[in-house]
Amino acid sequence: MPKTPTKKTVDSAIEKLNEVRREWMRRPGVTAVDVGFKIKDKFMTDDVALRVHVERKKPTADLSSSEVFNTSGKSLTKQGGFPVDVIEGDYAPADVSNDRVALEDLMGEVGVGIERTTTFNPLVGGISCGNPRVTAGTLGAIVFDRATCRPMILSNWHVLAGASAAAVGEDILQPGRVDGGTEAVATLTRMRLDSSMDAAVATLNNARAHSRDIMNIGTVTGMDDATLGMEVEKSGRTTGLTKGIVDGVSMSVSIHYGGPGVVAFTNQIRIVPRPPWPAVDVEISLGGDSGSIWLNERTNRAIGLHFGGERNPSPASAENALANPIKPVASAMNFSFLPIFCPARPIPTRPIFNICERYPEICELLIRRRIPTFNPPRPRPDPRPFNDLRLLRQLLEMMEAEDHRSGGCSCGGHSGEYDYGDGY
């Protein structure tokens, strides 16, 4: 494993990358740039480098001068004292449609968890879910709405929404449609697809119970910032429990989303398999894993929301995963991984006080009958007739209940037997 660099070193490298980030991203053939470990002979070194990602590396002799990044004559080019490393990487959203053929070929080879694509009660993290318009993705975790305290599903925009026309209130299925799901377990609540994140949340509808557990991992204990060299794990619909290492941060990457077009992400996280390297026949993510939560394995604190990976799903390709930093996602989607306490709402009494202010004879009647806890301000007379039949019914039922408690009733009947007229 590479040595963990200091925060000062990484911050300095990011500062130097920012000086050339936009210019490098405009160059032909570039798919991404980031700060990460320098790779030499397919092995990760301890050196922090400014990295340029390209779909395919070519011999320097076959490149034009504008395509050469890391060599000048026979010497290695440096940017602000950091080496410049060119690595292979071509990226796409991690949805099922991208890996359809690969999934058929790899069933049984990468531990595709068939049980994760069935109906779950209670709902947990790491299982199939999705908007009916998409195939399927992963229910990353059960989180809690900071506005309402209600439990919600956390996943990606392209899992819970999936189209620019998506609207709040749409049903979310578990399992996802491609896995045979037909029952709605939540409704789309918030969504966002922009340079910062591919994220969405959906409020549970109480159709099933829920648990804070993520399959094979346990409960999320909080949130962390991803750091180079951090050992992480995730639990997803397709590849199940996989483990990796953060090998890139402050990543800029452009990904094509079909209808919404190309999204230029910034400040993203890249994760690769753990050693031995080079990783052979190892998959840390595939289509359908979108929405999984990457966690610091040592603390179970969330660090990222999985949303993409390499475009080529073959195990022989350069394996990697992409994640949105979790803290901005939690802020934008307004949720907490930990349950939130919401105080009980007080019983509204103002409408009754309004009635008493307008109609003092009713107020005096209630006081004489000693309705518990009823002590309104002294009313002023109102010459208008009383015609609020709904409130009259509530008042009569309160008086009837008091009579039953005192052993008698002179109200003329039981609840539901009053004649309130045609306007009720």
Protein backbone atom coordinates (compact mmCIF):
# COMPACT_ATOMS: atom_id res chain seq x y z
CA MET A 1 0.00 0.00 0.00
CA PRO A 2 1.28 3.53 -0.73
CA LYS A 3 2.13 5.83 2.12
CA THR A 4 -0.54 8.36 3.05
CA PRO A 5 0.65 11.84 2.02
CA THR A 6 0.23 14.84 4.30
CA LYS A 7 -2.72 17.16 3.87
CA LYS A 8 -0.32 19.99 3.13
CA THR A 9 1.21 18.06 0.23
CA VAL A 10 -2.18 17.18 -1.28
CA ASP A 11 -3.52 20.73 -0.87
CA SER A 12 -0.42 22.11 -2.58
CA ALA A 13 -0.85 19.66 -5.47
CA ILE A 14 -4.51 20.67 -5.87
CA GLU A 15 -3.48 24.32 -5.96
CA LYS A 16 -1.01 23.59 -8.77
CA LEU A 17 -3.58 21.53 -10.67
CA ASN A 18 -6.07 24.39 -10.48
CA GLU A 19 -3.61 26.54 -12.43
CA VAL A 20 -3.87 24.24 -15.47
CA ARG A 21 -7.11 22.31 -14.86
CA ARG A 22 -9.31 24.04 -17.45
CA GLU A 23 -6.64 24.13 -20.12
CA TRP A 24 -5.83 20.44 -19.71
CA MET A 25 -9.49 19.40 -19.77
CA ARG A 26 -9.89 21.14 -23.16
CA ARG A 27 -7.12 19.12 -24.77
CA PRO A 28 -8.15 16.37 -27.23
CA GLY A 29 -8.40 12.88 -25.80
CA VAL A 30 -8.45 13.98 -22.15
CA THR A 31 -11.26 12.39 -20.10
CA ALA A 32 -10.33 13.65 -16.62
CA VAL A 33 -7.66 15.24 -14.42
CA ASP A 34 -7.01 14.77 -10.70
CA VAL A 35 -4.44 14.64 -7.92
CA GLY A 36 -3.38 11.11 -7.05
CA PHE A 37 -0.66 8.56 -6.66
CA LYS A 38 1.79 8.32 -9.54
CA ILE A 39 1.56 4.99 -11.31
CA LYS A 40 4.75 3.37 -12.61
CA ASP A 41 4.79 0.08 -14.54
CA LYS A 42 1.12 -0.43 -13.48
CA PHE A 43 2.03 -0.15 -9.80
CA MET A 44 1.01 2.67 -7.46
CA THR A 45 3.93 4.61 -5.98
CA ASP A 46 4.14 6.87 -2.92
CA ASP A 47 4.58 9.99 -5.08
CA VAL A 48 1.73 12.49 -5.38
CA ALA A 49 1.23 13.56 -8.99
CA LEU A 50 -0.97 15.74 -11.16
CA ARG A 51 -2.69 13.13 -13.30
CA VAL A 52 -4.15 13.37 -16.81
CA HIS A 53 -6.63 10.64 -17.75
CA VAL A 54 -6.95 9.57 -21.39
CA GLU A 55 -9.01 6.87 -23.04
CA ARG A 56 -5.92 5.14 -24.46
CA LYS A 57 -2.24 5.91 -23.96
CA LYS A 58 -0.16 6.17 -27.11
CA PRO A 59 3.58 6.24 -27.77
CA THR A 60 4.98 9.76 -27.59
CA ALA A 61 6.11 9.47 -31.21
CA ASP A 62 2.48 9.12 -32.32
CA LEU A 63 1.33 12.29 -30.52
CA SER A 64 1.23 15.89 -31.61
CA SER A 65 2.96 18.45 -29.39
CA SER A 66 -0.40 19.54 -27.90
CA GLU A 67 -1.08 15.96 -26.79
CA VAL A 68 2.17 15.49 -24.84
CA PHE A 69 1.89 16.14 -21.12
CA ASN A 70 4.57 14.39 -19.14
CA THR A 71 7.74 14.40 -21.19
CA SER A 72 9.96 17.14 -22.54
CA GLY A 73 12.76 15.62 -24.49
CA LYS A 74 14.06 12.88 -22.22
CA SER A 75 13.12 14.43 -18.89
CA LEU A 76 9.92 14.12 -16.89
CA THR A 77 7.82 17.28 -16.89
CA LYS A 78 6.80 18.72 -13.53
CA GLN A 79 4.09 21.22 -12.70
CA GLY A 80 4.84 23.29 -9.62
CA GLY A 81 7.24 20.65 -8.33
CA PHE A 82 4.82 17.73 -8.81
CA PRO A 83 5.24 15.05 -11.50
CA VAL A 84 2.68 14.90 -14.30
CA ASP A 85 1.36 11.39 -14.88
CA VAL A 86 -0.76 10.24 -17.83
CA ILE A 87 -3.01 7.26 -17.06
CA GLU A 88 -5.79 5.44 -18.87
CA GLY A 89 -9.37 6.08 -17.81
CA ASP A 90 -12.67 6.48 -19.66
CA TYR A 91 -15.78 7.01 -17.54
CA ALA A 92 -19.56 6.58 -17.60
CA PRO A 93 -22.49 6.45 -15.15
CA ALA A 94 -22.68 3.10 -13.34
CA ASP A 95 -26.16 2.10 -14.53
CA VAL A 96 -27.37 -1.33 -15.57
CA SER A 97 -27.88 -0.41 -19.22
CA ASN A 98 -24.15 0.34 -19.66
CA ASP A 99 -23.17 -3.14 -18.51
CA ARG A 100 -26.00 -5.27 -19.90
CA VAL A 101 -23.79 -7.64 -21.91
CA ALA A 102 -21.09 -7.67 -19.27
CA LEU A 103 -23.55 -8.64 -16.55
CA GLU A 104 -24.74 -11.62 -18.56
CA ASP A 105 -21.15 -12.73 -19.09
CA LEU A 106 -19.99 -12.14 -15.52
CA MET A 107 -22.82 -13.69 -13.51
CA GLY A 108 -21.16 -15.93 -10.94
CA GLU A 109 -17.68 -14.51 -11.60
CA VAL A 110 -17.80 -11.31 -9.58
CA GLY A 111 -20.21 -12.38 -6.88
CA VAL A 112 -23.33 -10.80 -8.34
CA GLY A 113 -25.69 -10.99 -5.36
CA ILE A 114 -28.98 -12.27 -6.73
CA GLU A 115 -30.56 -11.93 -3.29
CA ARG A 116 -30.02 -8.17 -3.48
CA THR A 117 -32.43 -7.93 -6.40
CA THR A 118 -35.41 -9.38 -4.51
CA THR A 119 -38.02 -7.76 -2.26
CA PHE A 120 -36.68 -6.64 1.14
CA ASN A 121 -38.58 -5.96 4.32
CA PRO A 122 -37.14 -4.13 6.16
CA LEU A 123 -35.46 -1.93 3.58
CA VAL A 124 -31.67 -1.76 4.00
CA GLY A 125 -28.71 -0.28 2.15
CA GLY A 126 -27.08 -2.22 -0.68
CA ILE A 127 -30.21 -3.54 -2.45
CA SER A 128 -31.97 -2.93 -5.76
CA CYS A 129 -34.27 0.08 -6.22
CA GLY A 130 -35.14 2.67 -8.81
CA ASN A 131 -37.60 4.93 -10.54
CA PRO A 132 -39.90 2.95 -12.88
CA ARG A 133 -38.40 4.79 -15.88
CA VAL A 134 -34.89 3.41 -15.20
CA THR A 135 -33.60 -0.15 -15.00
CA ALA A 136 -32.22 -0.44 -11.47
CA GLY A 137 -29.62 0.95 -9.13
CA THR A 138 -28.70 0.68 -5.48
CA LEU A 139 -30.48 1.90 -2.37
CA GLY A 140 -27.36 3.40 -0.81
CA ALA A 141 -28.64 3.91 2.71
CA ILE A 142 -31.65 4.94 4.75
CA VAL A 143 -31.15 8.57 5.81
CA PHE A 144 -33.30 11.09 7.68
CA ASP A 145 -34.82 14.31 6.37
CA ARG A 146 -33.63 17.29 8.41
CA ALA A 147 -36.83 19.16 7.56
CA THR A 148 -39.39 16.48 8.49
CA CYS A 149 -37.32 13.87 10.38
CA ARG A 150 -38.84 11.21 8.12
CA PRO A 151 -36.71 8.33 6.76
CA MET A 152 -35.61 8.53 3.13
CA ILE A 153 -33.77 6.50 0.49
CA LEU A 154 -30.42 7.95 -0.65
CA SER A 155 -29.21 7.11 -4.15
CA ASN A 156 -28.26 8.79 -7.44
CA TRP A 157 -30.23 11.16 -9.64
CA HIS A 158 -29.94 8.66 -12.49
CA VAL A 159 -31.43 5.94 -10.22
CA LEU A 160 -34.29 7.78 -8.47
CA ALA A 161 -35.11 10.35 -11.20
CA GLY A 162 -33.47 9.32 -14.47
CA ALA A 163 -34.80 12.09 -16.72
CA SER A 164 -34.94 15.85 -16.93
CA ALA A 165 -38.75 15.56 -16.78
CA ALA A 166 -38.65 13.79 -13.38
CA ALA A 167 -40.89 15.41 -10.77
CA VAL A 168 -41.13 15.38 -7.00
CA GLY A 169 -43.67 12.79 -5.88
CA GLU A 170 -42.81 10.08 -8.41
CA ASP A 171 -42.85 6.50 -7.14
CA ILE A 172 -39.65 4.60 -6.30
CA LEU A 173 -39.72 0.81 -6.59
CA GLN A 174 -37.91 -1.85 -4.58
CA PRO A 175 -36.55 -3.87 -6.24
CA GLY A 176 -35.97 -1.83 -9.40
CA ARG A 177 -38.00 -2.41 -12.55
CA VAL A 178 -35.42 -4.60 -14.30
CA ASP A 179 -35.41 -6.87 -11.23
CA GLY A 180 -39.18 -7.34 -11.34
CA GLY A 181 -40.13 -4.60 -8.88
CA THR A 182 -43.71 -3.31 -8.93
CA GLU A 183 -44.33 -1.99 -5.39
CA ALA A 184 -43.62 1.63 -4.58
CA VAL A 185 -41.83 2.09 -1.27
CA ALA A 186 -41.00 5.80 -1.48
CA THR A 187 -41.67 9.03 -3.37
CA LEU A 188 -39.04 11.24 -4.99
CA THR A 189 -38.34 14.21 -2.73
CA ARG A 190 -35.17 16.03 -3.86
CA MET A 191 -32.78 15.56 -6.78
CA ARG A 192 -29.71 17.19 -8.25
CA LEU A 193 -27.48 16.57 -11.26
CA ASP A 194 -24.78 19.19 -11.74
CA SER A 195 -21.03 19.71 -11.51
CA SER A 196 -21.03 18.72 -7.82
CA MET A 197 -23.21 15.64 -7.62
CA ASP A 198 -25.50 13.01 -9.09
CA ALA A 199 -27.82 12.60 -6.11
CA ALA A 200 -31.44 12.18 -5.04
CA VAL A 201 -33.52 11.22 -2.02
CA ALA A 202 -37.00 9.71 -1.74
CA THR A 203 -39.24 9.70 1.34
CA LEU A 204 -40.46 6.29 2.53
CA ASN A 205 -44.22 5.76 2.29
CA ASN A 206 -44.51 3.30 5.23
CA ALA A 207 -45.24 0.38 2.88
CA ARG A 208 -42.39 -1.50 4.59
CA ALA A 209 -40.20 -1.29 7.64
CA HIS A 210 -36.68 0.11 7.35
CA SER A 211 -33.25 -0.33 8.94
CA ARG A 212 -30.16 1.87 9.03
CA ASP A 213 -28.01 -1.17 8.23
CA ILE A 214 -26.09 -1.54 4.96
CA MET A 215 -25.75 -5.18 3.87
CA ASN A 216 -22.45 -6.76 4.96
CA ILE A 217 -21.23 -3.47 6.47
CA GLY A 218 -23.48 -2.33 9.31
CA THR A 219 -24.69 1.17 10.16
CA VAL A 220 -23.17 4.44 9.02
CA THR A 221 -21.61 6.26 11.99
CA GLY A 222 -21.16 9.67 10.35
CA MET A 223 -19.27 11.34 7.49
CA ASP A 224 -15.61 11.84 6.58
CA ASP A 225 -13.60 13.59 3.87
CA ALA A 226 -11.88 11.18 1.49
CA THR A 227 -8.07 11.23 1.65
CA LEU A 228 -5.46 9.64 -0.62
CA GLY A 229 -4.69 6.12 0.55
CA MET A 230 -7.89 5.71 2.59
CA GLU A 231 -9.16 2.12 2.61
CA VAL A 232 -12.85 2.07 1.72
CA GLU A 233 -15.70 -0.35 1.04
CA LYS A 234 -19.17 -0.28 -0.45
CA SER A 235 -22.21 -2.57 -0.71
CA GLY A 236 -24.00 -2.52 -4.07
CA ARG A 237 -26.80 -4.27 -5.92
CA THR A 238 -24.55 -5.92 -8.51
CA THR A 239 -21.08 -6.60 -7.10
CA GLY A 240 -22.09 -6.79 -3.44
CA LEU A 241 -19.41 -5.96 -0.89
CA THR A 242 -16.21 -4.67 -2.50
CA LYS A 243 -13.13 -3.00 -1.05
CA GLY A 244 -10.87 -0.36 -2.55
CA ILE A 245 -8.45 2.48 -1.91
CA VAL A 246 -8.86 6.18 -2.67
CA ASP A 247 -6.23 6.85 -5.33
CA GLY A 248 -7.48 10.20 -6.68
CA VAL A 249 -9.09 13.37 -5.30
CA SER A 250 -10.12 16.77 -6.69
CA MET A 251 -11.08 15.04 -9.91
CA SER A 252 -12.58 16.87 -12.89
CA VAL A 253 -14.35 14.48 -15.26
CA SER A 254 -16.92 14.88 -18.03
CA ILE A 255 -19.57 12.16 -18.30
CA HIS A 256 -22.30 11.75 -20.91
CA TYR A 257 -25.76 11.19 -19.41
CA GLY A 258 -27.77 10.76 -22.59
CA GLY A 259 -30.80 13.08 -22.42
CA PRO A 260 -29.29 15.60 -19.99
CA GLY A 261 -26.12 15.69 -22.09
CA VAL A 262 -22.54 15.90 -20.82
CA VAL A 263 -22.06 16.79 -17.16
CA ALA A 264 -18.67 18.27 -16.22
CA PHE A 265 -18.05 17.15 -12.63
CA THR A 266 -15.48 18.77 -10.35
CA ASN A 267 -13.91 17.78 -7.02
CA GLN A 268 -14.78 14.10 -7.32
CA ILE A 269 -13.19 10.96 -5.80
CA ARG A 270 -11.60 8.02 -7.65
CA ILE A 271 -11.32 4.57 -6.06
CA VAL A 272 -9.37 1.55 -7.33
CA PRO A 273 -8.91 -2.05 -6.13
CA ARG A 274 -6.45 -2.75 -3.33
CA PRO A 275 -3.17 -4.52 -4.06
CA PRO A 276 -1.85 -6.78 -5.42
CA TRP A 277 -1.47 -4.68 -8.56
CA PRO A 278 -2.12 -4.71 -11.36
CA ALA A 279 -5.66 -5.84 -10.50
CA VAL A 280 -6.66 -8.77 -12.70
CA ASP A 281 -10.24 -10.05 -12.97
CA VAL A 282 -11.28 -7.75 -10.12
CA GLU A 283 -14.44 -5.60 -10.19
CA ILE A 284 -15.14 -3.09 -7.44
CA SER A 285 -18.24 -1.80 -9.24
CA LEU A 286 -20.50 -2.56 -12.19
CA GLY A 287 -23.74 -1.28 -13.63
CA GLY A 288 -26.47 -1.34 -11.00
CA ASP A 289 -24.09 -0.35 -8.18
CA SER A 290 -24.96 3.33 -8.69
CA GLY A 291 -26.14 4.90 -5.45
CA SER A 292 -23.93 2.77 -3.19
CA ILE A 293 -22.22 4.46 -0.25
CA TRP A 294 -18.44 4.30 0.02
CA LEU A 295 -17.34 4.17 3.66
CA ASN A 296 -14.07 4.46 5.52
CA GLU A 297 -13.59 0.79 6.43
CA ARG A 298 -11.98 1.59 9.78
CA THR A 299 -14.69 3.92 11.07
CA ASN A 300 -17.84 3.12 9.03
CA ARG A 301 -18.10 6.82 8.24
CA ALA A 302 -19.45 7.65 4.77
CA ILE A 303 -17.03 9.36 2.37
CA GLY A 304 -18.73 9.20 -1.03
CA LEU A 305 -21.82 8.44 -3.13
CA HIS A 306 -20.95 6.04 -5.95
CA PHE A 307 -22.12 7.24 -9.35
CA GLY A 308 -19.77 6.02 -12.08
CA GLY A 309 -16.84 3.93 -13.18
CA GLU A 310 -14.87 2.83 -16.22
CA ARG A 311 -16.80 2.72 -19.49
CA ASN A 312 -15.43 -0.72 -20.39
CA PRO A 313 -16.97 -3.26 -17.96
CA SER A 314 -14.58 -6.09 -18.86
CA PRO A 315 -12.52 -7.36 -15.89
CA ALA A 316 -9.41 -6.95 -18.03
CA SER A 317 -9.93 -3.18 -18.22
CA ALA A 318 -8.50 -0.64 -15.79
CA GLU A 319 -10.89 -1.00 -12.85
CA ASN A 320 -12.05 2.06 -10.93
CA ALA A 321 -15.05 3.74 -9.34
CA LEU A 322 -16.14 7.37 -9.06
CA ALA A 323 -17.89 8.97 -6.10
CA ASN A 324 -19.36 12.35 -5.13
CA PRO A 325 -17.94 13.64 -1.82
CA ILE A 326 -20.67 12.84 0.72
CA LYS A 327 -20.69 16.06 2.78
CA PRO A 328 -21.88 18.34 -0.06
CA VAL A 329 -24.47 15.69 -0.97
CA ALA A 330 -25.82 15.59 2.59
CA SER A 331 -26.01 19.38 2.68
CA ALA A 332 -27.76 19.75 -0.68
CA MET A 333 -30.20 16.88 -0.03
CA ASN A 334 -30.72 18.07 3.57
CA PHE A 335 -30.34 14.73 5.33
CA SER A 336 -28.54 13.05 8.21
CA PHE A 337 -27.30 9.47 8.42
CA LEU A 338 -28.27 9.52 12.10
CA PRO A 339 -31.91 9.66 13.24
CA ILE A 340 -33.24 13.15 13.94
CA PHE A 341 -35.56 14.03 16.81
CA CYS A 342 -38.53 16.19 15.90
CA PRO A 343 -40.53 17.59 18.84
CA ALA A 344 -44.24 16.83 18.84
CA ARG A 345 -46.38 19.54 17.33
CA PRO A 346 -48.64 21.36 19.81
CA ILE A 347 -52.38 20.79 19.58
CA PRO A 348 -53.86 23.77 17.73
CA THR A 349 -56.26 25.74 19.94
CA ARG A 350 -56.41 29.09 18.24
CA PRO A 351 -59.49 28.26 16.07
CA ILE A 352 -61.53 27.58 19.24
CA PHE A 353 -60.35 30.84 20.78
CA ASN A 354 -61.44 32.63 17.63
CA ILE A 355 -64.91 31.11 17.99
CA CYS A 356 -65.13 32.24 21.60
CA GLU A 357 -64.07 35.76 20.72
CA ARG A 358 -66.89 35.97 18.20
CA TYR A 359 -69.55 33.98 20.06
CA PRO A 360 -69.35 34.52 23.84
CA GLU A 361 -72.40 32.38 24.60
CA ILE A 362 -70.61 29.26 23.29
CA CYS A 363 -67.48 30.17 25.22
CA GLU A 364 -69.47 30.57 28.45
CA LEU A 365 -71.18 27.22 27.81
CA LEU A 366 -67.83 25.47 27.49
CA ILE A 367 -66.54 27.07 30.67
CA ARG A 368 -69.68 26.11 32.61
CA ARG A 369 -69.38 22.50 31.43
CA ARG A 370 -65.74 22.53 32.63
CA ILE A 371 -64.08 21.18 29.52
CA PRO A 372 -60.56 20.11 30.70
CA THR A 373 -57.71 22.58 30.06
CA PHE A 374 -60.10 25.02 28.40
CA ASN A 375 -59.43 28.53 29.69
CA PRO A 376 -59.72 31.02 26.81
CA PRO A 377 -59.49 34.78 27.05
CA ARG A 378 -62.70 36.60 27.86
CA PRO A 379 -64.66 37.14 24.62
CA ARG A 380 -66.21 40.15 23.01
CA PRO A 381 -69.80 39.90 21.66
CA ASP A 382 -70.25 39.41 17.96
CA PRO A 383 -73.62 40.15 16.35
CA ARG A 384 -73.05 37.78 13.44
CA PRO A 385 -74.81 34.38 13.52
CA PHE A 386 -72.75 31.28 14.21
CA ASN A 387 -72.55 29.25 10.99
CA ASP A 388 -69.34 27.23 11.22
CA LEU A 389 -70.88 23.75 11.31
CA ARG A 390 -67.60 21.86 11.42
CA LEU A 391 -66.41 23.66 14.52
CA LEU A 392 -69.87 23.32 16.09
CA ARG A 393 -69.62 19.56 15.66
CA GLN A 394 -66.20 19.52 17.33
CA LEU A 395 -67.51 21.54 20.27
CA LEU A 396 -70.56 19.31 20.73
CA GLU A 397 -68.44 16.16 20.64
CA MET A 398 -66.12 17.65 23.28
CA MET A 399 -69.12 18.33 25.51
CA GLU A 400 -70.52 14.83 24.94
CA ALA A 401 -67.21 13.24 25.88
CA GLU A 402 -67.17 15.27 29.10
CA ASP A 403 -70.70 14.11 29.93
CA HIS A 404 -69.72 10.47 29.47
CA ARG A 405 -66.81 10.96 31.86
CA SER A 406 -69.13 12.57 34.48
CA GLY A 407 -71.70 9.75 34.24
CA GLY A 408 -74.49 11.33 32.24
CA CYS A 409 -75.37 12.89 28.93
CA SER A 410 -77.97 15.50 28.07
CA CYS A 411 -76.70 16.18 24.56
CA GLY A 412 -79.43 14.34 22.73
CA GLY A 413 -77.44 11.45 21.27
CA HIS A 414 -74.10 9.76 20.73
CA SER A 415 -71.26 10.86 18.48
CA GLY A 416 -72.28 10.76 14.86
CA GLU A 417 -75.98 11.14 15.58
CA TYR A 418 -76.17 14.90 15.33
CA ASP A 419 -77.85 16.60 12.44
CA TYR A 420 -75.50 19.23 11.15
CA GLY A 421 -77.50 20.23 8.09
CA ASP A 422 -76.78 19.90 4.43
CA GLY A 423 -73.77 22.21 4.55
CA TYR A 424 -71.54 19.91 6.67
